[in-house]
Amino acid sequence: MRLVFKNLIYDLDRIIENDPAARNRFEVFLLYPSVHAILWHRMAHPFYKAKMFFMARLISQVGRFFTGIEIHPGATIGNGLFIDHGMGVVIGETAEVGNNVTIYHGVTLGGRGKEKGKKRHPTVGNNVLIGSGAKILGPVKIGDNAKVGANAVVLSDVPSGTTAVGIPARIVEKKQDKNVIDMVDFLR
């Protein structure tokens, strides 16, 4: 019980740290659907692990009804997940989400087909930011400290510390403008 309370406090503090609209733990606990979705998932996940699939899905669907966030009870969720605004977020059965991940509304961590019995959803590393409407599909890996842009469709791995944007998503690198460098050298 102590661990559950400690994890909850961590989650609340992470939201306060990352959302300028959050004022205090009490407000976040009562009014943020992200917190409620994670609590519903933490209730459902042990039933799933115990192969009590009906009960796990029942709890999961009640959570979905109240929050608009669907987290399959089989998904593995780390600490400090912040689902900002939340509505329309879907996290699939074999998805793994690391610690301190921020997900915006309309995001899907989904599969690509009807395969059964194997890893078919994304693995998201630690400290990842996933923009609104992004779709991350299949057993891809999103590395630590990576960012996925709004409405990106990710179909392949995203390395740590990079940003993926577009449809299909591609990695964008921060490049210096060659003309700026030339002008600086010219002025010296």
C-alpha atoms as a PDB file:
ATOM      1  CA  MET A   1       0.000   0.000   0.000  1.00  0.00           C
ATOM      2  CA  ARG A   2       2.864   2.310   0.802  1.00  0.00           C
ATOM      3  CA  LEU A   3       4.345   1.795  -2.694  1.00  0.00           C
ATOM      4  CA  VAL A   4       0.990   2.620  -4.326  1.00  0.00           C
ATOM      5  CA  PHE A   5       0.805   5.900  -2.389  1.00  0.00           C
ATOM      6  CA  LYS A   6       4.456   6.723  -3.167  1.00  0.00           C
ATOM      7  CA  ASN A   7       3.858   6.108  -6.909  1.00  0.00           C
ATOM      8  CA  LEU A   8       0.724   8.257  -6.834  1.00  0.00           C
ATOM      9  CA  ILE A   9       2.572  11.162  -5.202  1.00  0.00           C
ATOM     10  CA  TYR A  10       5.335  10.821  -7.802  1.00  0.00           C
ATOM     11  CA  ASP A  11       2.771  10.893 -10.634  1.00  0.00           C
ATOM     12  CA  LEU A  12       1.026  13.956  -9.168  1.00  0.00           C
ATOM     13  CA  ASP A  13       4.305  15.833  -8.703  1.00  0.00           C
ATOM     14  CA  ARG A  14       5.385  15.013 -12.254  1.00  0.00           C
ATOM     15  CA  ILE A  15       2.156  16.495 -13.619  1.00  0.00           C
ATOM     16  CA  ILE A  16       2.588  19.639 -11.511  1.00  0.00           C
ATOM     17  CA  GLU A  17       6.167  19.932 -12.786  1.00  0.00           C
ATOM     18  CA  ASN A  18       5.134  19.622 -16.443  1.00  0.00           C
ATOM     19  CA  ASP A  19       1.767  21.352 -16.662  1.00  0.00           C
ATOM     20  CA  PRO A  20       1.750  25.102 -16.015  1.00  0.00           C
ATOM     21  CA  ALA A  21      -2.013  24.960 -15.399  1.00  0.00           C
ATOM     22  CA  ALA A  22      -1.643  22.482 -12.494  1.00  0.00           C
ATOM     23  CA  ARG A  23      -1.797  24.237  -9.137  1.00  0.00           C
ATOM     24  CA  ASN A  24      -1.558  21.547  -6.456  1.00  0.00           C
ATOM     25  CA  ARG A  25      -1.757  17.798  -5.816  1.00  0.00           C
ATOM     26  CA  PHE A  26      -5.360  17.937  -4.636  1.00  0.00           C
ATOM     27  CA  GLU A  27      -6.557  19.619  -7.837  1.00  0.00           C
ATOM     28  CA  VAL A  28      -4.538  17.263 -10.044  1.00  0.00           C
ATOM     29  CA  PHE A  29      -5.797  14.188  -8.181  1.00  0.00           C
ATOM     30  CA  LEU A  30      -9.446  15.212  -8.477  1.00  0.00           C
ATOM     31  CA  LEU A  31      -9.551  16.785 -11.936  1.00  0.00           C
ATOM     32  CA  TYR A  32      -6.929  15.228 -14.218  1.00  0.00           C
ATOM     33  CA  PRO A  33      -8.119  12.251 -16.280  1.00  0.00           C
ATOM     34  CA  SER A  34      -4.516  11.094 -16.682  1.00  0.00           C
ATOM     35  CA  VAL A  35      -4.307  10.296 -12.983  1.00  0.00           C
ATOM     36  CA  HIS A  36      -7.612   8.441 -13.019  1.00  0.00           C
ATOM     37  CA  ALA A  37      -6.696   6.416 -16.129  1.00  0.00           C
ATOM     38  CA  ILE A  38      -3.432   5.325 -14.555  1.00  0.00           C
ATOM     39  CA  LEU A  39      -5.192   4.359 -11.320  1.00  0.00           C
ATOM     40  CA  TRP A  40      -7.746   2.285 -13.266  1.00  0.00           C
ATOM     41  CA  HIS A  41      -4.883   0.639 -15.142  1.00  0.00           C
ATOM     42  CA  ARG A  42      -3.057  -0.146 -11.901  1.00  0.00           C
ATOM     43  CA  MET A  43      -6.210  -1.869 -10.654  1.00  0.00           C
ATOM     44  CA  ALA A  44      -6.733  -3.840 -13.883  1.00  0.00           C
ATOM     45  CA  HIS A  45      -3.135  -4.888 -14.587  1.00  0.00           C
ATOM     46  CA  PRO A  46      -2.804  -7.408 -11.683  1.00  0.00           C
ATOM     47  CA  PHE A  47      -5.992  -9.158 -12.840  1.00  0.00           C
ATOM     48  CA  TYR A  48      -4.525  -9.406 -16.349  1.00  0.00           C
ATOM     49  CA  LYS A  49      -1.278 -10.849 -15.008  1.00  0.00           C
ATOM     50  CA  ALA A  50      -3.327 -13.390 -13.020  1.00  0.00           C
ATOM     51  CA  LYS A  51      -5.038 -14.386 -16.304  1.00  0.00           C
ATOM     52  CA  MET A  52      -8.378 -13.048 -15.077  1.00  0.00           C
ATOM     53  CA  PHE A  53      -8.905 -11.375 -18.432  1.00  0.00           C
ATOM     54  CA  PHE A  54     -12.618 -10.603 -18.135  1.00  0.00           C
ATOM     55  CA  MET A  55     -12.203  -8.785 -14.824  1.00  0.00           C
ATOM     56  CA  ALA A  56      -9.149  -6.926 -16.146  1.00  0.00           C
ATOM     57  CA  ARG A  57     -11.010  -5.751 -19.256  1.00  0.00           C
ATOM     58  CA  LEU A  58     -14.094  -4.821 -17.236  1.00  0.00           C
ATOM     59  CA  ILE A  59     -12.039  -2.553 -14.966  1.00  0.00           C
ATOM     60  CA  SER A  60     -10.215  -1.167 -18.003  1.00  0.00           C
ATOM     61  CA  GLN A  61     -13.453  -0.337 -19.818  1.00  0.00           C
ATOM     62  CA  VAL A  62     -14.915   1.399 -16.771  1.00  0.00           C
ATOM     63  CA  GLY A  63     -11.771   3.538 -16.657  1.00  0.00           C
ATOM     64  CA  ARG A  64     -12.119   4.272 -20.366  1.00  0.00           C
ATOM     65  CA  PHE A  65     -15.752   5.301 -19.885  1.00  0.00           C
ATOM     66  CA  PHE A  66     -14.848   7.827 -17.190  1.00  0.00           C
ATOM     67  CA  THR A  67     -11.616   9.205 -18.685  1.00  0.00           C
ATOM     68  CA  GLY A  68     -11.731   8.829 -22.481  1.00  0.00           C
ATOM     69  CA  ILE A  69      -8.313   7.152 -22.217  1.00  0.00           C
ATOM     70  CA  GLU A  70      -8.003   3.487 -23.141  1.00  0.00           C
ATOM     71  CA  ILE A  71      -5.082   1.629 -21.610  1.00  0.00           C
ATOM     72  CA  HIS A  72      -5.234  -2.122 -22.201  1.00  0.00           C
ATOM     73  CA  PRO A  73      -4.763  -3.970 -18.900  1.00  0.00           C
ATOM     74  CA  GLY A  74      -1.881  -5.931 -20.446  1.00  0.00           C
ATOM     75  CA  ALA A  75       0.176  -2.810 -21.188  1.00  0.00           C
ATOM     76  CA  THR A  76       3.213  -2.114 -19.020  1.00  0.00           C
ATOM     77  CA  ILE A  77       3.239   1.463 -17.735  1.00  0.00           C
ATOM     78  CA  GLY A  78       6.155   3.111 -15.904  1.00  0.00           C
ATOM     79  CA  ASN A  79       5.996   5.818 -13.255  1.00  0.00           C
ATOM     80  CA  GLY A  80       5.386   9.463 -14.043  1.00  0.00           C
ATOM     81  CA  LEU A  81       3.227   8.974 -17.147  1.00  0.00           C
ATOM     82  CA  PHE A  82       1.436  12.245 -17.942  1.00  0.00           C
ATOM     83  CA  ILE A  83      -1.350  12.068 -20.503  1.00  0.00           C
ATOM     84  CA  ASP A  84      -2.135  15.748 -21.088  1.00  0.00           C
ATOM     85  CA  HIS A  85      -5.802  16.353 -21.948  1.00  0.00           C
ATOM     86  CA  GLY A  86      -6.013  12.631 -22.618  1.00  0.00           C
ATOM     87  CA  MET A  87      -9.137  12.216 -24.708  1.00  0.00           C
ATOM     88  CA  GLY A  88      -8.732   9.613 -27.413  1.00  0.00           C
ATOM     89  CA  VAL A  89      -5.449   8.102 -26.202  1.00  0.00           C
ATOM     90  CA  VAL A  90      -5.175   4.359 -26.889  1.00  0.00           C
ATOM     91  CA  ILE A  91      -2.398   2.168 -25.485  1.00  0.00           C
ATOM     92  CA  GLY A  92      -2.397  -1.417 -26.772  1.00  0.00           C
ATOM     93  CA  GLU A  93      -1.975  -4.744 -24.999  1.00  0.00           C
ATOM     94  CA  THR A  94       1.727  -5.383 -25.541  1.00  0.00           C
ATOM     95  CA  ALA A  95       2.784  -1.727 -25.350  1.00  0.00           C
ATOM     96  CA  GLU A  96       5.488  -0.787 -22.876  1.00  0.00           C
ATOM     97  CA  VAL A  97       5.754   2.800 -21.673  1.00  0.00           C
ATOM     98  CA  GLY A  98       8.820   3.921 -19.710  1.00  0.00           C
ATOM     99  CA  ASN A  99       9.153   6.435 -16.897  1.00  0.00           C
ATOM    100  CA  ASN A 100       8.415  10.163 -17.176  1.00  0.00           C
ATOM    101  CA  VAL A 101       6.679   9.947 -20.538  1.00  0.00           C
ATOM    102  CA  THR A 102       4.347  12.714 -21.719  1.00  0.00           C
ATOM    103  CA  ILE A 103       1.577  11.824 -24.158  1.00  0.00           C
ATOM    104  CA  TYR A 104      -0.850  14.371 -25.591  1.00  0.00           C
ATOM    105  CA  HIS A 105      -4.449  13.756 -26.690  1.00  0.00           C
ATOM    106  CA  GLY A 106      -5.351  11.566 -29.641  1.00  0.00           C
ATOM    107  CA  VAL A 107      -2.217   9.397 -29.495  1.00  0.00           C
ATOM    108  CA  THR A 108      -2.319   5.706 -30.435  1.00  0.00           C
ATOM    109  CA  LEU A 109       0.281   3.157 -29.372  1.00  0.00           C
ATOM    110  CA  GLY A 110      -1.203   0.420 -31.523  1.00  0.00           C
ATOM    111  CA  GLY A 111      -0.603  -2.657 -33.598  1.00  0.00           C
ATOM    112  CA  ARG A 112      -0.581  -3.036 -37.366  1.00  0.00           C
ATOM    113  CA  GLY A 113      -2.652  -6.144 -37.824  1.00  0.00           C
ATOM    114  CA  LYS A 114      -4.228  -9.165 -36.235  1.00  0.00           C
ATOM    115  CA  GLU A 115      -1.134 -11.048 -35.065  1.00  0.00           C
ATOM    116  CA  LYS A 116      -1.647 -12.895 -31.781  1.00  0.00           C
ATOM    117  CA  GLY A 117       0.631 -14.004 -28.997  1.00  0.00           C
ATOM    118  CA  LYS A 118       3.646 -11.821 -29.730  1.00  0.00           C
ATOM    119  CA  LYS A 119       4.919  -8.308 -29.253  1.00  0.00           C
ATOM    120  CA  ARG A 120       2.839  -6.167 -31.596  1.00  0.00           C
ATOM    121  CA  HIS A 121       2.723  -2.737 -29.939  1.00  0.00           C
ATOM    122  CA  PRO A 122       5.392  -0.065 -29.366  1.00  0.00           C
ATOM    123  CA  THR A 123       8.001   0.141 -26.644  1.00  0.00           C
ATOM    124  CA  VAL A 124       8.453   3.719 -25.465  1.00  0.00           C
ATOM    125  CA  GLY A 125      11.625   4.629 -23.534  1.00  0.00           C
ATOM    126  CA  ASN A 126      12.067   7.023 -20.633  1.00  0.00           C
ATOM    127  CA  ASN A 127      11.567  10.811 -20.825  1.00  0.00           C
ATOM    128  CA  VAL A 128       9.778  10.628 -24.184  1.00  0.00           C
ATOM    129  CA  LEU A 129       7.341  13.254 -25.463  1.00  0.00           C
ATOM    130  CA  ILE A 130       4.616  12.179 -27.930  1.00  0.00           C
ATOM    131  CA  GLY A 131       2.696  15.000 -29.633  1.00  0.00           C
ATOM    132  CA  SER A 132      -1.057  15.240 -30.206  1.00  0.00           C
ATOM    133  CA  GLY A 133      -2.538  12.837 -32.730  1.00  0.00           C
ATOM    134  CA  ALA A 134       0.643  10.798 -33.219  1.00  0.00           C
ATOM    135  CA  LYS A 135       0.213   7.175 -34.234  1.00  0.00           C
ATOM    136  CA  ILE A 136       3.006   4.790 -33.264  1.00  0.00           C
ATOM    137  CA  LEU A 137       2.215   1.440 -34.830  1.00  0.00           C
ATOM    138  CA  GLY A 138       3.755  -1.988 -34.519  1.00  0.00           C
ATOM    139  CA  PRO A 139       6.591  -3.350 -32.386  1.00  0.00           C
ATOM    140  CA  VAL A 140       8.778  -0.281 -32.835  1.00  0.00           C
ATOM    141  CA  LYS A 141      11.070   1.182 -30.212  1.00  0.00           C
ATOM    142  CA  ILE A 142      11.081   4.844 -29.246  1.00  0.00           C
ATOM    143  CA  GLY A 143      14.416   5.575 -27.549  1.00  0.00           C
ATOM    144  CA  ASP A 144      14.980   7.485 -24.339  1.00  0.00           C
ATOM    145  CA  ASN A 145      14.640  11.283 -24.542  1.00  0.00           C
ATOM    146  CA  ALA A 146      13.089  11.088 -28.021  1.00  0.00           C
ATOM    147  CA  LYS A 147      10.245  13.263 -29.294  1.00  0.00           C
ATOM    148  CA  VAL A 148       7.475  12.342 -31.707  1.00  0.00           C
ATOM    149  CA  GLY A 149       5.820  15.308 -33.415  1.00  0.00           C
ATOM    150  CA  ALA A 150       2.093  15.961 -33.555  1.00  0.00           C
ATOM    151  CA  ASN A 151       0.230  13.793 -36.071  1.00  0.00           C
ATOM    152  CA  ALA A 152       3.359  11.804 -36.967  1.00  0.00           C
ATOM    153  CA  VAL A 153       2.866   8.203 -38.068  1.00  0.00           C
ATOM    154  CA  VAL A 154       5.764   6.169 -36.702  1.00  0.00           C
ATOM    155  CA  LEU A 155       6.343   2.801 -38.385  1.00  0.00           C
ATOM    156  CA  SER A 156      10.030   2.271 -37.556  1.00  0.00           C
ATOM    157  CA  ASP A 157      12.339   2.770 -34.571  1.00  0.00           C
ATOM    158  CA  VAL A 158      13.145   6.248 -33.312  1.00  0.00           C
ATOM    159  CA  PRO A 159      16.671   6.452 -31.819  1.00  0.00           C
ATOM    160  CA  SER A 160      17.302   7.986 -28.401  1.00  0.00           C
ATOM    161  CA  GLY A 161      17.526  11.762 -28.292  1.00  0.00           C
ATOM    162  CA  THR A 162      16.029  12.346 -31.737  1.00  0.00           C
ATOM    163  CA  THR A 163      12.802  13.852 -33.051  1.00  0.00           C
ATOM    164  CA  ALA A 164      10.485  12.096 -35.504  1.00  0.00           C
ATOM    165  CA  VAL A 165       7.962  14.039 -37.610  1.00  0.00           C
ATOM    166  CA  GLY A 166       5.770  13.502 -40.650  1.00  0.00           C
ATOM    167  CA  ILE A 167       3.778  10.777 -42.398  1.00  0.00           C
ATOM    168  CA  PRO A 168       5.486   8.380 -42.393  1.00  0.00           C
ATOM    169  CA  ALA A 169       7.707   9.732 -39.646  1.00  0.00           C
ATOM    170  CA  ARG A 170      11.299  10.566 -40.415  1.00  0.00           C
ATOM    171  CA  ILE A 171      14.079  11.652 -38.094  1.00  0.00           C
ATOM    172  CA  VAL A 172      14.898  15.341 -38.223  1.00  0.00           C
ATOM    173  CA  GLU A 173      18.301  16.559 -37.163  1.00  0.00           C
ATOM    174  CA  LYS A 174      19.199  19.996 -35.989  1.00  0.00           C
ATOM    175  CA  LYS A 175      21.565  21.313 -38.621  1.00  0.00           C
ATOM    176  CA  GLN A 176      23.360  24.590 -38.603  1.00  0.00           C
ATOM    177  CA  ASP A 177      22.581  26.877 -41.480  1.00  0.00           C
ATOM    178  CA  LYS A 178      25.717  26.860 -43.629  1.00  0.00           C
ATOM    179  CA  ASN A 179      25.153  30.475 -44.691  1.00  0.00           C
ATOM    180  CA  VAL A 180      25.167  31.628 -41.076  1.00  0.00           C
ATOM    181  CA  ILE A 181      28.468  29.874 -40.428  1.00  0.00           C
ATOM    182  CA  ASP A 182      29.952  31.381 -43.580  1.00  0.00           C
ATOM    183  CA  MET A 183      28.886  34.884 -42.515  1.00  0.00           C
ATOM    184  CA  VAL A 184      30.392  34.453 -39.061  1.00  0.00           C
ATOM    185  CA  ASP A 185      33.666  33.252 -40.581  1.00  0.00           C
ATOM    186  CA  PHE A 186      33.576  36.177 -43.027  1.00  0.00           C
ATOM    187  CA  LEU A 187      33.231  38.746 -40.226  1.00  0.00           C
ATOM    188  CA  ARG A 188      36.236  37.391 -38.318  1.00  0.00           C
END
